[in-house]
Amino acid sequence: MRAVLRGAAQATLTMAALTVPALASTAFLLPAGAALAGSSPVDITPNPSAPGTSTTFAVNCSSHTGAGSATSATLIGTTLGLSEHIPMQASTHADEFITTVVLPASIKAGTYQPDIDCSNGVTASAAFTVKAPGVAPATGDGTTATATDDRLTAIGVALAGLGTVSVVLLLTRRSHKRA
């Protein structure tokens, strides 16, 4: 038992040694807001999305042209079949804004690129895909199968009997050793 516990402890330490450097290089060393600092200032999740689902838009309104900090941002929703101006909420990071909308059930499958206007003059957009829901896989009608395979039943009963005999022999052997 001690060997098993020692092996488990060693495996845990090995996993920690491998995981900590990976976490340090990704989570701890990134500056705040770096998740949006990729090639596009807009992050859309989920992408792809589907009609009738919640989709979140996040934008980084930072400006390198000296226009100053943004105080608000607006998602232009007309291309998505939503209202024209959808106000976005301020994030916990400066110049970042976020909103979640429910895509209309009538939206067609395709690629969309809605604009986001920031109060400091920055305009951003990112392409995202809307996929039509697929046909569910054929998995049966939900009833319980009633047909049985007698060969499998016989094998199962034989294995259960063999297990029972093995347990009885093991217990009687132990009781004879103690006596």
C-alpha atoms as a PDB file:
ATOM      1  CA  MET A   1       0.000   0.000   0.000  1.00  0.00           C
ATOM      2  CA  ARG A   2       2.872   2.347   0.778  1.00  0.00           C
ATOM      3  CA  ALA A   3       4.361   1.712  -2.652  1.00  0.00           C
ATOM      4  CA  VAL A   4       1.062   2.701  -4.286  1.00  0.00           C
ATOM      5  CA  LEU A   5       0.805   5.903  -2.221  1.00  0.00           C
ATOM      6  CA  ARG A   6       4.438   6.737  -2.924  1.00  0.00           C
ATOM      7  CA  GLY A   7       3.864   6.201  -6.676  1.00  0.00           C
ATOM      8  CA  ALA A   8       0.750   8.387  -6.646  1.00  0.00           C
ATOM      9  CA  ALA A   9       2.597  11.167  -4.818  1.00  0.00           C
ATOM     10  CA  GLN A  10       5.484  10.971  -7.288  1.00  0.00           C
ATOM     11  CA  ALA A  11       3.069  11.116 -10.242  1.00  0.00           C
ATOM     12  CA  THR A  12       1.376  14.188  -8.734  1.00  0.00           C
ATOM     13  CA  LEU A  13       4.713  15.959  -8.265  1.00  0.00           C
ATOM     14  CA  THR A  14       5.735  15.125 -11.838  1.00  0.00           C
ATOM     15  CA  MET A  15       2.441  16.485 -13.183  1.00  0.00           C
ATOM     16  CA  ALA A  16       2.860  19.675 -11.147  1.00  0.00           C
ATOM     17  CA  ALA A  17       6.415  20.112 -12.411  1.00  0.00           C
ATOM     18  CA  LEU A  18       5.205  19.827 -15.993  1.00  0.00           C
ATOM     19  CA  THR A  19       2.109  22.020 -15.561  1.00  0.00           C
ATOM     20  CA  VAL A  20       3.484  25.020 -13.640  1.00  0.00           C
ATOM     21  CA  PRO A  21       5.869  26.233 -16.393  1.00  0.00           C
ATOM     22  CA  ALA A  22       3.076  26.006 -18.966  1.00  0.00           C
ATOM     23  CA  LEU A  23       0.739  28.023 -16.745  1.00  0.00           C
ATOM     24  CA  ALA A  24       3.416  30.603 -16.013  1.00  0.00           C
ATOM     25  CA  SER A  25       4.097  31.153 -19.686  1.00  0.00           C
ATOM     26  CA  THR A  26       0.436  31.638 -20.530  1.00  0.00           C
ATOM     27  CA  ALA A  27      -1.619  32.888 -17.622  1.00  0.00           C
ATOM     28  CA  PHE A  28       0.783  34.651 -15.290  1.00  0.00           C
ATOM     29  CA  LEU A  29       3.005  36.446 -17.783  1.00  0.00           C
ATOM     30  CA  LEU A  30       0.309  37.902 -20.032  1.00  0.00           C
ATOM     31  CA  PRO A  31      -0.653  41.518 -19.422  1.00  0.00           C
ATOM     32  CA  ALA A  32      -4.248  42.359 -18.587  1.00  0.00           C
ATOM     33  CA  GLY A  33      -6.404  42.419 -21.690  1.00  0.00           C
ATOM     34  CA  ALA A  34      -4.009  40.323 -23.771  1.00  0.00           C
ATOM     35  CA  ALA A  35      -6.805  37.907 -24.643  1.00  0.00           C
ATOM     36  CA  LEU A  36      -8.208  40.543 -26.987  1.00  0.00           C
ATOM     37  CA  ALA A  37      -4.845  41.774 -28.226  1.00  0.00           C
ATOM     38  CA  GLY A  38      -4.533  39.268 -31.078  1.00  0.00           C
ATOM     39  CA  SER A  39      -4.853  40.099 -34.744  1.00  0.00           C
ATOM     40  CA  SER A  40      -8.341  41.509 -34.229  1.00  0.00           C
ATOM     41  CA  PRO A  41      -9.537  43.773 -31.431  1.00  0.00           C
ATOM     42  CA  VAL A  42     -12.872  41.879 -31.447  1.00  0.00           C
ATOM     43  CA  ASP A  43     -13.439  38.518 -29.786  1.00  0.00           C
ATOM     44  CA  ILE A  44     -16.655  36.605 -30.615  1.00  0.00           C
ATOM     45  CA  THR A  45     -17.702  33.497 -28.699  1.00  0.00           C
ATOM     46  CA  PRO A  46     -18.843  30.976 -29.608  1.00  0.00           C
ATOM     47  CA  ASN A  47     -17.518  31.072 -33.119  1.00  0.00           C
ATOM     48  CA  PRO A  48     -19.096  29.426 -35.033  1.00  0.00           C
ATOM     49  CA  SER A  49     -22.474  30.187 -33.544  1.00  0.00           C
ATOM     50  CA  ALA A  50     -25.993  28.993 -34.372  1.00  0.00           C
ATOM     51  CA  PRO A  51     -29.397  30.630 -34.774  1.00  0.00           C
ATOM     52  CA  GLY A  52     -31.167  31.196 -31.446  1.00  0.00           C
ATOM     53  CA  THR A  53     -27.995  30.948 -29.342  1.00  0.00           C
ATOM     54  CA  SER A  54     -26.292  33.517 -27.113  1.00  0.00           C
ATOM     55  CA  THR A  55     -23.230  35.061 -28.698  1.00  0.00           C
ATOM     56  CA  THR A  56     -20.801  37.330 -26.856  1.00  0.00           C
ATOM     57  CA  PHE A  57     -18.951  40.200 -28.512  1.00  0.00           C
ATOM     58  CA  ALA A  58     -15.950  41.755 -26.752  1.00  0.00           C
ATOM     59  CA  VAL A  59     -13.966  44.663 -28.165  1.00  0.00           C
ATOM     60  CA  ASN A  60     -10.737  46.401 -27.253  1.00  0.00           C
ATOM     61  CA  CYS A  61     -11.141  50.093 -28.156  1.00  0.00           C
ATOM     62  CA  SER A  62      -7.508  51.011 -27.480  1.00  0.00           C
ATOM     63  CA  SER A  63      -6.271  53.545 -29.992  1.00  0.00           C
ATOM     64  CA  HIS A  64      -2.686  53.924 -31.102  1.00  0.00           C
ATOM     65  CA  THR A  65      -3.527  57.168 -32.913  1.00  0.00           C
ATOM     66  CA  GLY A  66      -3.939  59.234 -29.745  1.00  0.00           C
ATOM     67  CA  ALA A  67      -7.729  59.525 -29.786  1.00  0.00           C
ATOM     68  CA  GLY A  68      -7.817  58.837 -26.037  1.00  0.00           C
ATOM     69  CA  SER A  69      -9.704  56.313 -23.980  1.00  0.00           C
ATOM     70  CA  ALA A  70     -13.130  55.110 -24.977  1.00  0.00           C
ATOM     71  CA  THR A  71     -16.042  55.649 -22.613  1.00  0.00           C
ATOM     72  CA  SER A  72     -18.529  53.465 -24.516  1.00  0.00           C
ATOM     73  CA  ALA A  73     -18.933  51.096 -27.439  1.00  0.00           C
ATOM     74  CA  THR A  74     -21.890  50.136 -29.628  1.00  0.00           C
ATOM     75  CA  LEU A  75     -22.481  46.932 -31.606  1.00  0.00           C
ATOM     76  CA  ILE A  76     -24.186  47.618 -34.945  1.00  0.00           C
ATOM     77  CA  GLY A  77     -26.626  44.720 -35.085  1.00  0.00           C
ATOM     78  CA  THR A  78     -28.516  45.307 -38.352  1.00  0.00           C
ATOM     79  CA  THR A  79     -26.468  42.749 -40.327  1.00  0.00           C
ATOM     80  CA  LEU A  80     -27.458  40.143 -37.728  1.00  0.00           C
ATOM     81  CA  GLY A  81     -31.159  40.970 -37.801  1.00  0.00           C
ATOM     82  CA  LEU A  82     -30.938  42.755 -34.434  1.00  0.00           C
ATOM     83  CA  SER A  83     -31.565  46.367 -33.457  1.00  0.00           C
ATOM     84  CA  GLU A  84     -29.251  48.902 -35.074  1.00  0.00           C
ATOM     85  CA  HIS A  85     -27.440  50.176 -31.960  1.00  0.00           C
ATOM     86  CA  ILE A  86     -26.714  47.715 -29.140  1.00  0.00           C
ATOM     87  CA  PRO A  87     -24.859  49.369 -26.239  1.00  0.00           C
ATOM     88  CA  MET A  88     -21.950  47.388 -24.807  1.00  0.00           C
ATOM     89  CA  GLN A  89     -21.027  47.230 -21.112  1.00  0.00           C
ATOM     90  CA  ALA A  90     -17.607  48.296 -19.833  1.00  0.00           C
ATOM     91  CA  SER A  91     -15.296  45.410 -18.998  1.00  0.00           C
ATOM     92  CA  THR A  92     -12.978  45.223 -16.008  1.00  0.00           C
ATOM     93  CA  HIS A  93     -10.124  46.433 -18.251  1.00  0.00           C
ATOM     94  CA  ALA A  94      -9.757  49.946 -19.629  1.00  0.00           C
ATOM     95  CA  ASP A  95     -11.037  50.435 -23.190  1.00  0.00           C
ATOM     96  CA  GLU A  96     -12.701  47.000 -23.273  1.00  0.00           C
ATOM     97  CA  PHE A  97     -16.438  46.527 -23.734  1.00  0.00           C
ATOM     98  CA  ILE A  98     -18.660  43.451 -23.911  1.00  0.00           C
ATOM     99  CA  THR A  99     -22.212  42.462 -24.807  1.00  0.00           C
ATOM    100  CA  THR A 100     -24.112  39.222 -25.239  1.00  0.00           C
ATOM    101  CA  VAL A 101     -26.953  38.925 -27.725  1.00  0.00           C
ATOM    102  CA  VAL A 102     -29.239  36.106 -28.750  1.00  0.00           C
ATOM    103  CA  LEU A 103     -29.011  35.552 -32.475  1.00  0.00           C
ATOM    104  CA  PRO A 104     -32.434  35.496 -34.112  1.00  0.00           C
ATOM    105  CA  ALA A 105     -33.784  32.046 -34.975  1.00  0.00           C
ATOM    106  CA  SER A 106     -34.354  33.353 -38.504  1.00  0.00           C
ATOM    107  CA  ILE A 107     -30.678  34.236 -39.154  1.00  0.00           C
ATOM    108  CA  LYS A 108     -29.293  32.413 -42.186  1.00  0.00           C
ATOM    109  CA  ALA A 109     -26.147  30.317 -42.123  1.00  0.00           C
ATOM    110  CA  GLY A 110     -23.119  32.227 -43.370  1.00  0.00           C
ATOM    111  CA  THR A 111     -20.297  34.558 -42.423  1.00  0.00           C
ATOM    112  CA  TYR A 112     -21.126  37.867 -40.749  1.00  0.00           C
ATOM    113  CA  GLN A 113     -18.929  40.841 -39.897  1.00  0.00           C
ATOM    114  CA  PRO A 114     -20.828  43.317 -37.693  1.00  0.00           C
ATOM    115  CA  ASP A 115     -19.168  46.638 -36.871  1.00  0.00           C
ATOM    116  CA  ILE A 116     -18.476  47.955 -33.390  1.00  0.00           C
ATOM    117  CA  ASP A 117     -18.089  51.707 -32.920  1.00  0.00           C
ATOM    118  CA  CYS A 118     -16.132  53.043 -29.946  1.00  0.00           C
ATOM    119  CA  SER A 119     -16.639  56.529 -28.517  1.00  0.00           C
ATOM    120  CA  ASN A 120     -12.989  57.425 -29.193  1.00  0.00           C
ATOM    121  CA  GLY A 121     -13.438  56.945 -32.957  1.00  0.00           C
ATOM    122  CA  VAL A 122     -12.135  53.384 -33.201  1.00  0.00           C
ATOM    123  CA  THR A 123     -14.244  51.151 -35.439  1.00  0.00           C
ATOM    124  CA  ALA A 124     -13.656  47.402 -35.280  1.00  0.00           C
ATOM    125  CA  SER A 125     -15.162  44.275 -36.757  1.00  0.00           C
ATOM    126  CA  ALA A 126     -14.423  40.580 -36.918  1.00  0.00           C
ATOM    127  CA  ALA A 127     -15.870  37.825 -39.035  1.00  0.00           C
ATOM    128  CA  PHE A 128     -17.785  35.019 -37.405  1.00  0.00           C
ATOM    129  CA  THR A 129     -19.751  32.117 -38.785  1.00  0.00           C
ATOM    130  CA  VAL A 130     -23.341  31.139 -38.191  1.00  0.00           C
ATOM    131  CA  LYS A 131     -24.004  27.487 -38.884  1.00  0.00           C
ATOM    132  CA  ALA A 132     -27.433  26.011 -39.352  1.00  0.00           C
ATOM    133  CA  PRO A 133     -28.219  23.356 -36.788  1.00  0.00           C
ATOM    134  CA  GLY A 134     -27.566  19.922 -38.244  1.00  0.00           C
ATOM    135  CA  VAL A 135     -29.875  16.961 -38.302  1.00  0.00           C
ATOM    136  CA  ALA A 136     -29.613  14.907 -35.148  1.00  0.00           C
ATOM    137  CA  PRO A 137     -27.963  11.522 -35.592  1.00  0.00           C
ATOM    138  CA  ALA A 138     -30.211   8.487 -35.817  1.00  0.00           C
ATOM    139  CA  THR A 139     -29.818   6.851 -32.422  1.00  0.00           C
ATOM    140  CA  GLY A 140     -33.050   4.931 -32.129  1.00  0.00           C
ATOM    141  CA  ASP A 141     -36.522   5.797 -30.987  1.00  0.00           C
ATOM    142  CA  GLY A 142     -35.805   5.908 -27.263  1.00  0.00           C
ATOM    143  CA  THR A 143     -37.360   2.571 -26.365  1.00  0.00           C
ATOM    144  CA  THR A 144     -35.539  -0.173 -24.538  1.00  0.00           C
ATOM    145  CA  ALA A 145     -34.445  -3.097 -26.663  1.00  0.00           C
ATOM    146  CA  THR A 146     -36.301  -6.287 -25.831  1.00  0.00           C
ATOM    147  CA  ALA A 147     -34.422  -8.751 -28.028  1.00  0.00           C
ATOM    148  CA  THR A 148     -31.775 -10.808 -26.235  1.00  0.00           C
ATOM    149  CA  ASP A 149     -28.890 -12.916 -27.402  1.00  0.00           C
ATOM    150  CA  ASP A 150     -29.050 -16.236 -25.538  1.00  0.00           C
ATOM    151  CA  ARG A 151     -25.353 -16.932 -26.148  1.00  0.00           C
ATOM    152  CA  LEU A 152     -24.315 -13.706 -24.417  1.00  0.00           C
ATOM    153  CA  THR A 153     -26.693 -14.415 -21.558  1.00  0.00           C
ATOM    154  CA  ALA A 154     -25.191 -17.888 -21.085  1.00  0.00           C
ATOM    155  CA  ILE A 155     -21.649 -16.485 -21.140  1.00  0.00           C
ATOM    156  CA  GLY A 156     -22.609 -13.812 -18.603  1.00  0.00           C
ATOM    157  CA  VAL A 157     -24.185 -16.348 -16.247  1.00  0.00           C
ATOM    158  CA  ALA A 158     -21.148 -18.617 -16.582  1.00  0.00           C
ATOM    159  CA  LEU A 159     -18.765 -15.762 -15.751  1.00  0.00           C
ATOM    160  CA  ALA A 160     -20.868 -14.714 -12.762  1.00  0.00           C
ATOM    161  CA  GLY A 161     -20.866 -18.329 -11.525  1.00  0.00           C
ATOM    162  CA  LEU A 162     -17.095 -18.608 -12.018  1.00  0.00           C
ATOM    163  CA  GLY A 163     -16.622 -15.401 -10.040  1.00  0.00           C
ATOM    164  CA  THR A 164     -18.828 -16.702  -7.230  1.00  0.00           C
ATOM    165  CA  VAL A 165     -16.937 -20.016  -7.062  1.00  0.00           C
ATOM    166  CA  SER A 166     -13.608 -18.142  -7.012  1.00  0.00           C
ATOM    167  CA  VAL A 167     -14.736 -15.960  -4.103  1.00  0.00           C
ATOM    168  CA  VAL A 168     -15.994 -18.966  -2.141  1.00  0.00           C
ATOM    169  CA  LEU A 169     -12.718 -20.847  -2.701  1.00  0.00           C
ATOM    170  CA  LEU A 170     -10.684 -17.816  -1.675  1.00  0.00           C
ATOM    171  CA  LEU A 171     -12.689 -17.331   1.514  1.00  0.00           C
ATOM    172  CA  THR A 172     -12.562 -21.007   2.506  1.00  0.00           C
ATOM    173  CA  ARG A 173      -8.823 -21.094   1.840  1.00  0.00           C
ATOM    174  CA  ARG A 174      -8.307 -18.106   4.132  1.00  0.00           C
ATOM    175  CA  SER A 175     -10.494 -19.621   6.851  1.00  0.00           C
ATOM    176  CA  HIS A 176      -8.519 -22.902   6.718  1.00  0.00           C
ATOM    177  CA  LYS A 177      -5.209 -20.982   7.059  1.00  0.00           C
ATOM    178  CA  ARG A 178      -6.429 -19.209  10.186  1.00  0.00           C
ATOM    179  CA  ALA A 179      -7.655 -22.393  11.826  1.00  0.00           C
END
